[in-house]
C-alpha atoms as a PDB file:
ATOM      1  CA  MET A   1     129.762  50.203  76.183  1.00  0.00           C
ATOM      2  CA  ARG A   2     128.630  53.723  75.536  1.00  0.00           C
ATOM      3  CA  ASP A   3     130.180  54.889  78.817  1.00  0.00           C
ATOM      4  CA  VAL A   4     133.533  53.402  77.807  1.00  0.00           C
ATOM      5  CA  LEU A   5     133.484  55.243  74.477  1.00  0.00           C
ATOM      6  CA  SER A   6     132.513  58.506  76.113  1.00  0.00           C
ATOM      7  CA  ALA A   7     135.269  58.038  78.720  1.00  0.00           C
ATOM      8  CA  ARG A   8     137.786  57.498  75.929  1.00  0.00           C
ATOM      9  CA  GLY A   9     136.481  60.550  74.137  1.00  0.00           C
ATOM     10  CA  ARG A  10     136.802  62.638  77.293  1.00  0.00           C
ATOM     11  CA  ALA A  11     140.342  61.362  77.822  1.00  0.00           C
ATOM     12  CA  ARG A  12     141.315  62.258  74.252  1.00  0.00           C
ATOM     13  CA  GLU A  13     139.765  65.672  74.653  1.00  0.00           C
ATOM     14  CA  GLN A  14     141.709  66.228  77.889  1.00  0.00           C
ATOM     15  CA  VAL A  15     144.972  65.257  76.186  1.00  0.00           C
ATOM     16  CA  ARG A  16     144.222  67.602  73.292  1.00  0.00           C
ATOM     17  CA  MET A  17     143.396  70.458  75.673  1.00  0.00           C
ATOM     18  CA  ALA A  18     146.567  69.830  77.664  1.00  0.00           C
ATOM     19  CA  ARG A  19     148.629  69.989  74.488  1.00  0.00           C
ATOM     20  CA  GLU A  20     146.932  73.184  73.353  1.00  0.00           C
ATOM     21  CA  THR A  21     147.335  74.909  76.682  1.00  0.00           C
ATOM     22  CA  GLY A  22     150.806  73.520  77.408  1.00  0.00           C
ATOM     23  CA  ILE A  23     154.149  73.996  75.807  1.00  0.00           C
ATOM     24  CA  ALA A  24     153.096  72.445  72.498  1.00  0.00           C
ATOM     25  CA  ALA A  25     150.688  75.310  71.881  1.00  0.00           C
ATOM     26  CA  VAL A  26     153.224  77.976  72.822  1.00  0.00           C
ATOM     27  CA  VAL A  27     156.192  76.645  70.854  1.00  0.00           C
ATOM     28  CA  GLY A  28     154.843  77.528  67.429  1.00  0.00           C
ATOM     29  CA  ARG A  29     153.873  81.085  68.286  1.00  0.00           C
ATOM     30  CA  ARG A  30     155.910  83.914  66.907  1.00  0.00           C
ATOM     31  CA  TYR A  31     155.238  86.205  69.888  1.00  0.00           C
ATOM     32  CA  TRP A  32     154.791  85.187  73.515  1.00  0.00           C
ATOM     33  CA  ARG A  33     152.901  86.934  76.229  1.00  0.00           C
ATOM     34  CA  LYS A  34     154.291  86.663  79.740  1.00  0.00           C
ATOM     35  CA  ALA A  35     151.847  83.880  80.649  1.00  0.00           C
ATOM     36  CA  GLU A  36     152.866  81.868  77.594  1.00  0.00           C
ATOM     37  CA  ALA A  37     156.550  82.385  78.299  1.00  0.00           C
ATOM     38  CA  ARG A  38     155.956  81.245  81.865  1.00  0.00           C
ATOM     39  CA  VAL A  39     154.687  77.890  80.516  1.00  0.00           C
ATOM     40  CA  VAL A  40     157.923  77.384  78.570  1.00  0.00           C
ATOM     41  CA  VAL A  41     160.251  78.575  81.342  1.00  0.00           C
ATOM     42  CA  GLU A  42     158.512  76.407  83.955  1.00  0.00           C
ATOM     43  CA  ALA A  43     158.628  73.388  81.626  1.00  0.00           C
ATOM     44  CA  TRP A  44     162.340  73.970  81.077  1.00  0.00           C
ATOM     45  CA  ARG A  45     163.061  74.269  84.818  1.00  0.00           C
ATOM     46  CA  ALA A  46     160.941  71.183  85.595  1.00  0.00           C
ATOM     47  CA  SER A  47     162.685  69.122  82.905  1.00  0.00           C
ATOM     48  CA  GLY A  48     166.089  69.320  84.577  1.00  0.00           C
ATOM     49  CA  GLU A  49     167.687  69.621  81.140  1.00  0.00           C
ATOM     50  CA  SER A  50     170.212  72.197  80.101  1.00  0.00           C
ATOM     51  CA  LEU A  51     168.734  75.193  78.356  1.00  0.00           C
ATOM     52  CA  ALA A  52     170.359  74.250  75.048  1.00  0.00           C
ATOM     53  CA  ARG A  53     169.076  70.660  75.130  1.00  0.00           C
ATOM     54  CA  PHE A  54     165.529  71.709  76.109  1.00  0.00           C
ATOM     55  CA  ALA A  55     165.411  74.373  73.397  1.00  0.00           C
ATOM     56  CA  ARG A  56     166.722  71.989  70.749  1.00  0.00           C
ATOM     57  CA  ARG A  57     164.195  69.300  71.730  1.00  0.00           C
ATOM     58  CA  HIS A  58     161.301  71.737  71.345  1.00  0.00           C
ATOM     59  CA  GLY A  59     162.603  73.584  68.295  1.00  0.00           C
ATOM     60  CA  LEU A  60     163.102  76.848  70.172  1.00  0.00           C
ATOM     61  CA  GLY A  61     165.979  79.278  70.400  1.00  0.00           C
ATOM     62  CA  ALA A  62     167.827  79.105  73.712  1.00  0.00           C
ATOM     63  CA  PRO A  63     168.331  82.905  73.828  1.00  0.00           C
ATOM     64  CA  ARG A  64     164.582  83.404  73.623  1.00  0.00           C
ATOM     65  CA  ILE A  65     163.947  81.199  76.653  1.00  0.00           C
ATOM     66  CA  ALA A  66     166.840  82.771  78.557  1.00  0.00           C
ATOM     67  CA  TRP A  67     165.513  86.255  77.801  1.00  0.00           C
ATOM     68  CA  TRP A  68     162.074  85.340  79.161  1.00  0.00           C
ATOM     69  CA  ALA A  69     163.403  83.519  82.247  1.00  0.00           C
ATOM     70  CA  ARG A  70     164.395  86.757  83.986  1.00  0.00           C
ATOM     71  CA  PRO A  71     161.039  88.589  83.886  1.00  0.00           C
ATOM     72  CA  VAL A  72     159.015  85.411  84.413  1.00  0.00           C
ATOM     73  CA  GLU A  73     160.983  84.441  87.512  1.00  0.00           C
ATOM     74  CA  GLY A  74     160.978  87.999  88.848  1.00  0.00           C
ATOM     75  CA  ARG A  75     164.745  88.428  88.639  1.00  0.00           C
ATOM     76  CA  THR A  76     166.402  91.715  87.820  1.00  0.00           C
ATOM     77  CA  PRO A  77     169.763  92.087  86.112  1.00  0.00           C
ATOM     78  CA  ALA A  78     172.769  92.537  88.369  1.00  0.00           C
ATOM     79  CA  PRO A  79     173.731  96.171  88.807  1.00  0.00           C
ATOM     80  CA  VAL A  80     176.816  97.472  87.065  1.00  0.00           C
ATOM     81  CA  HIS A  81     179.583  98.514  89.416  1.00  0.00           C
ATOM     82  CA  PHE A  82     182.162 101.111  88.467  1.00  0.00           C
ATOM     83  CA  HIS A  83     185.457 101.326  90.262  1.00  0.00           C
ATOM     84  CA  PRO A  84     186.932 104.725  91.025  1.00  0.00           C
ATOM     85  CA  VAL A  85     190.106 105.568  89.156  1.00  0.00           C
ATOM     86  CA  ARG A  86     192.485 108.331  90.095  1.00  0.00           C
ATOM     87  CA  LEU A  87     195.640 109.122  88.179  1.00  0.00           C
ATOM     88  CA  ALA A  88     198.698 109.744  90.308  1.00  0.00           C
ATOM     89  CA  THR A  89     200.650 112.946  89.919  1.00  0.00           C
ATOM     90  CA  ARG A  90     203.453 113.047  87.396  1.00  0.00           C
ATOM     91  CA  ASP A  91     206.750 111.881  88.750  1.00  0.00           C
ATOM     92  CA  ALA A  92     210.248 113.035  87.846  1.00  0.00           C
ATOM     93  CA  GLY A  93     210.360 110.579  84.933  1.00  0.00           C
ATOM     94  CA  GLY A  94     207.832 112.704  83.056  1.00  0.00           C
ATOM     95  CA  GLY A  95     205.077 110.088  82.763  1.00  0.00           C
ATOM     96  CA  ALA A  96     202.008 109.529  84.877  1.00  0.00           C
ATOM     97  CA  ALA A  97     202.037 106.548  87.225  1.00  0.00           C
ATOM     98  CA  ILE A  98     198.933 104.445  87.642  1.00  0.00           C
ATOM     99  CA  LYS A  99     197.806 103.263  91.073  1.00  0.00           C
ATOM    100  CA  VAL A 100     195.681 100.142  91.032  1.00  0.00           C
ATOM    101  CA  HIS A 101     193.619  99.390  94.170  1.00  0.00           C
ATOM    102  CA  LEU A 102     192.699  95.716  94.200  1.00  0.00           C
ATOM    103  CA  VAL A 103     189.683  94.130  95.876  1.00  0.00           C
ATOM    104  CA  GLY A 104     191.771  92.353  98.535  1.00  0.00           C
ATOM    105  CA  GLY A 105     193.171  95.685  99.743  1.00  0.00           C
ATOM    106  CA  HIS A 106     196.438  95.508  97.834  1.00  0.00           C
ATOM    107  CA  ARG A 107     197.665  98.542  95.945  1.00  0.00           C
ATOM    108  CA  VAL A 108     199.995  98.449  92.996  1.00  0.00           C
ATOM    109  CA  ARG A 109     201.756 101.520  91.644  1.00  0.00           C
ATOM    110  CA  VAL A 110     202.593 101.070  87.980  1.00  0.00           C
ATOM    111  CA  PRO A 111     205.312 103.437  86.754  1.00  0.00           C
ATOM    112  CA  PRO A 112     205.577 104.698  83.187  1.00  0.00           C
ATOM    113  CA  GLY A 113     207.223 102.245  80.823  1.00  0.00           C
ATOM    114  CA  PHE A 114     206.236  99.133  82.798  1.00  0.00           C
ATOM    115  CA  GLN A 115     206.267  95.744  81.142  1.00  0.00           C
ATOM    116  CA  ALA A 116     202.779  94.230  80.857  1.00  0.00           C
ATOM    117  CA  ALA A 117     204.143  90.727  81.487  1.00  0.00           C
ATOM    118  CA  ASP A 118     205.678  91.880  84.790  1.00  0.00           C
ATOM    119  CA  LEU A 119     202.404  93.416  85.911  1.00  0.00           C
ATOM    120  CA  ARG A 120     200.524  90.207  85.007  1.00  0.00           C
ATOM    121  CA  ARG A 121     202.917  88.178  87.160  1.00  0.00           C
ATOM    122  CA  VAL A 122     202.550  90.565  90.109  1.00  0.00           C
ATOM    123  CA  LEU A 123     198.751  90.495  89.850  1.00  0.00           C
ATOM    124  CA  ALA A 124     198.755  86.677  89.587  1.00  0.00           C
ATOM    125  CA  VAL A 125     200.790  86.431  92.811  1.00  0.00           C
ATOM    126  CA  LEU A 126     198.458  88.853  94.593  1.00  0.00           C
ATOM    127  CA  ASP A 127     195.387  87.035  93.297  1.00  0.00           C
ATOM    128  CA  ALA A 128     196.716  83.656  94.457  1.00  0.00           C
ATOM    129  CA  GLY A 129     197.363  85.051  97.942  1.00  0.00           C
ATOM    130  CA  THR A 130     200.829  83.553  98.136  1.00  0.00           C
ATOM    131  CA  PRO A 131     203.712  85.581  99.537  1.00  0.00           C
ATOM    132  CA  CYS A 132     206.284  86.949  97.124  1.00  0.00           C
END
């Protein structure tokens, strides 16, 4: 009988320790260390839930988990890419034309006084890859 009671006591103690060392212990903390954040991020990934649902269920802010996911998982932010811009020389009309070089290799020369709606239509056709 005594062994049964001590086994139950050990089991309760193990459950308590698991709660304290798991996500339940981390959730209430104001500040997280990387190891503590790792517990939350790994629990979120293992749950298969969306970030918003997981955060709501545990009373956490989704942005906080998202912020920690990057350093915990060893990811770095994507680099920022700048595209070169060169203004064309002034034409006889007196205004500067703009040359737009698109990713697919197309180039569009936009004269002064263009209509924005026209340019949107041209870019949509080029983006769709359909012939004019």
